[in-house]
Structures are given as structure tokens and as C-alpha cells.
C-alpha atoms as a PDB file:
ATOM      1  CA  MET A   1     -39.460  -8.271  26.393  1.00  0.00           C
ATOM      2  CA  ILE A   2     -39.094  -6.706  23.223  1.00  0.00           C
ATOM      3  CA  GLN A   3     -38.213  -3.213  24.662  1.00  0.00           C
ATOM      4  CA  THR A   4     -35.626  -4.792  26.620  1.00  0.00           C
ATOM      5  CA  LEU A   5     -33.999  -6.303  23.901  1.00  0.00           C
ATOM      6  CA  SER A   6     -34.076  -3.252  21.865  1.00  0.00           C
ATOM      7  CA  ASN A   7     -32.327  -1.504  24.833  1.00  0.00           C
ATOM      8  CA  HIS A   8     -29.414  -3.593  23.837  1.00  0.00           C
ATOM      9  CA  ALA A   9     -29.764  -2.638  20.048  1.00  0.00           C
ATOM     10  CA  PRO A  10     -26.645  -0.296  19.934  1.00  0.00           C
ATOM     11  CA  LYS A  11     -24.365  -2.458  21.883  1.00  0.00           C
ATOM     12  CA  MET A  12     -25.261  -5.278  19.681  1.00  0.00           C
ATOM     13  CA  PHE A  13     -24.708  -2.903  16.532  1.00  0.00           C
ATOM     14  CA  ALA A  14     -21.275  -1.957  18.073  1.00  0.00           C
ATOM     15  CA  ILE A  15     -20.316  -5.577  18.395  1.00  0.00           C
ATOM     16  CA  LEU A  16     -21.580  -6.193  14.645  1.00  0.00           C
ATOM     17  CA  ARG A  17     -19.273  -3.310  13.900  1.00  0.00           C
ATOM     18  CA  ILE A  18     -16.076  -4.521  15.525  1.00  0.00           C
ATOM     19  CA  MET A  19     -16.396  -8.092  14.523  1.00  0.00           C
ATOM     20  CA  THR A  20     -16.951  -7.074  10.929  1.00  0.00           C
ATOM     21  CA  ALA A  21     -13.954  -4.929  11.307  1.00  0.00           C
ATOM     22  CA  LEU A  22     -11.715  -7.277  12.792  1.00  0.00           C
ATOM     23  CA  LEU A  23     -12.589  -9.851   9.992  1.00  0.00           C
ATOM     24  CA  PHE A  24     -12.077  -7.209   7.323  1.00  0.00           C
ATOM     25  CA  ILE A  25      -8.654  -6.402   8.748  1.00  0.00           C
ATOM     26  CA  GLN A  26      -7.512  -9.781   8.318  1.00  0.00           C
ATOM     27  CA  HIS A  27      -7.598  -9.260   4.482  1.00  0.00           C
ATOM     28  CA  GLY A  28      -5.326  -6.200   4.365  1.00  0.00           C
ATOM     29  CA  THR A  29      -2.963  -7.866   6.902  1.00  0.00           C
ATOM     30  CA  GLN A  30      -2.995 -10.852   4.564  1.00  0.00           C
ATOM     31  CA  LYS A  31      -2.158  -8.827   1.466  1.00  0.00           C
ATOM     32  CA  LEU A  32       0.216  -6.487   2.721  1.00  0.00           C
ATOM     33  CA  PHE A  33       2.141  -8.532   5.509  1.00  0.00           C
ATOM     34  CA  GLY A  34       1.428 -12.162   4.780  1.00  0.00           C
ATOM     35  CA  ILE A  35      -0.282 -12.693   8.175  1.00  0.00           C
ATOM     36  CA  PRO A  36      -2.526 -14.905   8.254  1.00  0.00           C
ATOM     37  CA  ALA A  37      -0.291 -16.775   5.842  1.00  0.00           C
ATOM     38  CA  ALA A  38      -0.995 -15.767   2.218  1.00  0.00           C
ATOM     39  CA  GLU A  39      -0.420 -17.488  -1.355  1.00  0.00           C
ATOM     40  CA  PHE A  40       0.813 -14.299  -2.927  1.00  0.00           C
ATOM     41  CA  SER A  41       1.936 -10.903  -1.725  1.00  0.00           C
ATOM     42  CA  PRO A  42       1.052  -8.053  -4.229  1.00  0.00           C
ATOM     43  CA  GLU A  43       3.623  -5.611  -5.494  1.00  0.00           C
ATOM     44  CA  LEU A  44       3.697  -2.007  -4.006  1.00  0.00           C
ATOM     45  CA  PHE A  45       1.146   0.279  -5.318  1.00  0.00           C
ATOM     46  CA  THR A  46      -0.566  -2.641  -7.545  1.00  0.00           C
ATOM     47  CA  LEU A  47      -4.416  -2.688  -7.378  1.00  0.00           C
ATOM     48  CA  MET A  48      -4.157  -5.520  -4.847  1.00  0.00           C
ATOM     49  CA  TRP A  49      -1.838  -3.503  -2.752  1.00  0.00           C
ATOM     50  CA  TRP A  50      -4.047  -0.673  -2.650  1.00  0.00           C
ATOM     51  CA  ALA A  51      -7.170  -3.254  -1.947  1.00  0.00           C
ATOM     52  CA  GLY A  52      -5.038  -4.218   1.081  1.00  0.00           C
ATOM     53  CA  ALA A  53      -4.196  -0.862   2.282  1.00  0.00           C
ATOM     54  CA  ILE A  54      -8.053   0.083   2.111  1.00  0.00           C
ATOM     55  CA  GLU A  55      -9.022  -3.192   3.972  1.00  0.00           C
ATOM     56  CA  LEU A  56      -6.296  -2.349   6.638  1.00  0.00           C
ATOM     57  CA  VAL A  57      -6.774   1.331   7.187  1.00  0.00           C
ATOM     58  CA  GLY A  58     -10.514   1.527   6.477  1.00  0.00           C
ATOM     59  CA  GLY A  59     -10.984  -1.833   8.824  1.00  0.00           C
ATOM     60  CA  ALA A  60      -9.290   0.225  11.590  1.00  0.00           C
ATOM     61  CA  LEU A  61     -11.186   3.306  11.343  1.00  0.00           C
ATOM     62  CA  ILE A  62     -14.184   1.265  11.704  1.00  0.00           C
ATOM     63  CA  LEU A  63     -13.017  -1.065  14.414  1.00  0.00           C
ATOM     64  CA  VAL A  64     -12.564   1.997  16.534  1.00  0.00           C
ATOM     65  CA  GLY A  65     -15.680   3.739  15.198  1.00  0.00           C
ATOM     66  CA  LEU A  66     -13.822   6.948  14.134  1.00  0.00           C
ATOM     67  CA  PHE A  67     -15.173   8.557  10.471  1.00  0.00           C
ATOM     68  CA  THR A  68     -17.130   5.407  10.283  1.00  0.00           C
ATOM     69  CA  ARG A  69     -19.496   6.538   7.860  1.00  0.00           C
ATOM     70  CA  ALA A  70     -17.016   7.598   5.432  1.00  0.00           C
ATOM     71  CA  ALA A  71     -14.601   4.672   5.904  1.00  0.00           C
ATOM     72  CA  ALA A  72     -17.640   2.181   5.365  1.00  0.00           C
ATOM     73  CA  PHE A  73     -18.915   4.154   2.133  1.00  0.00           C
ATOM     74  CA  VAL A  74     -15.160   3.624   0.773  1.00  0.00           C
ATOM     75  CA  THR A  75     -14.991  -0.123   1.984  1.00  0.00           C
ATOM     76  CA  SER A  76     -18.459  -0.918   0.799  1.00  0.00           C
ATOM     77  CA  GLY A  77     -17.519   0.512  -2.507  1.00  0.00           C
ATOM     78  CA  MET A  78     -14.172  -1.422  -2.771  1.00  0.00           C
ATOM     79  CA  MET A  79     -16.087  -4.399  -2.091  1.00  0.00           C
ATOM     80  CA  ALA A  80     -18.664  -3.965  -4.913  1.00  0.00           C
ATOM     81  CA  VAL A  81     -15.845  -3.428  -7.361  1.00  0.00           C
ATOM     82  CA  ALA A  82     -14.087  -6.660  -5.868  1.00  0.00           C
ATOM     83  CA  TYR A  83     -16.903  -8.707  -6.242  1.00  0.00           C
ATOM     84  CA  PHE A  84     -17.444  -7.739 -10.177  1.00  0.00           C
ATOM     85  CA  MET A  85     -13.931  -7.685 -10.965  1.00  0.00           C
ATOM     86  CA  VAL A  86     -12.864 -10.908  -8.921  1.00  0.00           C
ATOM     87  CA  HIS A  87     -15.985 -12.968  -8.363  1.00  0.00           C
ATOM     88  CA  ALA A  88     -18.864 -12.403 -10.499  1.00  0.00           C
ATOM     89  CA  GLY A  89     -17.372 -13.721 -13.864  1.00  0.00           C
ATOM     90  CA  ASN A  90     -16.981 -17.064 -12.478  1.00  0.00           C
ATOM     91  CA  SER A  91     -20.572 -17.880 -11.687  1.00  0.00           C
ATOM     92  CA  PHE A  92     -23.841 -15.894 -11.407  1.00  0.00           C
ATOM     93  CA  PHE A  93     -24.212 -17.241  -7.771  1.00  0.00           C
ATOM     94  CA  PRO A  94     -22.124 -15.807  -4.822  1.00  0.00           C
ATOM     95  CA  ALA A  95     -21.853 -19.414  -3.287  1.00  0.00           C
ATOM     96  CA  ASN A  96     -20.463 -20.760  -6.393  1.00  0.00           C
ATOM     97  CA  ASN A  97     -17.864 -17.928  -7.300  1.00  0.00           C
ATOM     98  CA  SER A  98     -16.559 -17.747  -3.656  1.00  0.00           C
ATOM     99  CA  GLY A  99     -17.927 -13.820  -3.672  1.00  0.00           C
ATOM    100  CA  ASP A 100     -20.267 -14.383  -0.861  1.00  0.00           C
ATOM    101  CA  ALA A 101     -18.043 -12.771   1.981  1.00  0.00           C
ATOM    102  CA  ALA A 102     -17.494  -9.709  -0.634  1.00  0.00           C
ATOM    103  CA  VAL A 103     -21.085  -9.185  -0.960  1.00  0.00           C
ATOM    104  CA  LEU A 104     -21.590  -9.648   2.730  1.00  0.00           C
ATOM    105  CA  PHE A 105     -18.877  -7.148   3.796  1.00  0.00           C
ATOM    106  CA  CYS A 106     -20.467  -4.644   0.745  1.00  0.00           C
ATOM    107  CA  PHE A 107     -23.765  -4.449   2.249  1.00  0.00           C
ATOM    108  CA  VAL A 108     -22.728  -4.554   6.033  1.00  0.00           C
ATOM    109  CA  PHE A 109     -20.384  -1.522   5.356  1.00  0.00           C
ATOM    110  CA  LEU A 110     -23.551  -0.069   3.277  1.00  0.00           C
ATOM    111  CA  LEU A 111     -25.661  -0.499   6.379  1.00  0.00           C
ATOM    112  CA  PHE A 112     -22.744   1.626   8.564  1.00  0.00           C
ATOM    113  CA  VAL A 113     -22.915   4.355   6.219  1.00  0.00           C
ATOM    114  CA  PHE A 114     -26.743   4.902   6.898  1.00  0.00           C
ATOM    115  CA  THR A 115     -26.620   3.883  10.843  1.00  0.00           C
ATOM    116  CA  GLY A 116     -23.257   5.489  11.699  1.00  0.00           C
ATOM    117  CA  PRO A 117     -20.951   3.338  14.356  1.00  0.00           C
ATOM    118  CA  GLY A 118     -23.307   2.696  17.269  1.00  0.00           C
ATOM    119  CA  ALA A 119     -22.331   2.468  20.757  1.00  0.00           C
ATOM    120  CA  TRP A 120     -18.342   2.375  21.758  1.00  0.00           C
ATOM    121  CA  SER A 121     -17.181   4.426  18.979  1.00  0.00           C
ATOM    122  CA  LEU A 122     -14.632   7.420  19.093  1.00  0.00           C
ATOM    123  CA  ASP A 123     -17.346   9.043  16.574  1.00  0.00           C
ATOM    124  CA  ARG A 124     -19.917   8.908  19.535  1.00  0.00           C
ATOM    125  CA  ALA A 125     -17.644   9.971  22.154  1.00  0.00           C
ATOM    126  CA  GLN A 126     -16.434  13.150  19.935  1.00  0.00           C
ATOM    127  CA  SER A 127     -19.979  13.979  19.326  1.00  0.00           C
ATOM    128  CA  ARG A 128     -20.622  14.099  23.105  1.00  0.00           C
ATOM    129  CA  GLU A 129     -17.596  16.170  23.630  1.00  0.00           C
ATOM    130  CA  THR A 130     -18.423  19.022  21.197  1.00  0.00           C
ATOM    131  CA  GLY A 131     -22.279  18.860  21.999  1.00  0.00           C
ATOM    132  CA  MET A 132     -23.129  17.341  18.361  1.00  0.00           C
ATOM    133  CA  VAL A 133     -26.051  15.292  17.855  1.00  0.00           C
ATOM    134  CA  SER A 134     -25.003  11.703  17.271  1.00  0.00           C
ATOM    135  CA  VAL A 135     -27.091   9.505  15.065  1.00  0.00           C
END
């Protein structure tokens, strides 16, 4: 039974990658394009604009599994910075300072840095074509 479940781990990991990226991309589209509806729109090239750009581009790369480790490294770091700049000063507890999503994104992306994209990724497809071993 456990072996059968383990056989599906790469696919379930890919689903985690895809769903996390889709959620993350929404933050970028909200900041940059107001979709879904946003309370504010940052001015061009401000810190919040760059955050939206990283969320959109990094999320898209993670979604398709292209340069996954590098994109996950950047997005994980961005989420750590976002937590400490925006949320941590309001309360020690993430549930009270609305930073729980930032913490979760940070650590899920950090996991992708170490594990790679899983199944159904352009990184994996490219490694098969070039004959390089995918981890």
C-alpha cells in the first residue's frame, strides 16, 4: 500500500507545484493589473511593483516547471522579505499579522529549491532530451 502511494509522489508533488504557482500568480496579477480586484495599484518600478513582477514571472516559471530551482529561490527569498517588511511588525504570530500565506509560500518555494519541479515540468522534459539526469 505504501509503495503504491509512493509511486504517485512525483505527480502529487507536481500538483503542489502547479497549485502553489497558480495561487502565487494571482498576487502578481492583482498588483500589476488589478485582477482579481485590488484596493491599490503600485506605481511603476516601486518596491510593490517589483514584488508583483516577481510574483507573476516567478510564479509562471514555477507553474510550467522551467528554471524551477532558481525561480523558487528568488520567490522564497522575496516571501521572507515580504513577511518581515509587511507582516512581522504587526504581531509575533503569523495568524494574527496576516502573514501566514507569506510564510507558507516561503517554505513551499524553499522545498522546490531542494527537490526540483517533480513530474510534468519543462525542466524534466529538457533533461530527458539532453540526457542529463533530473533530480
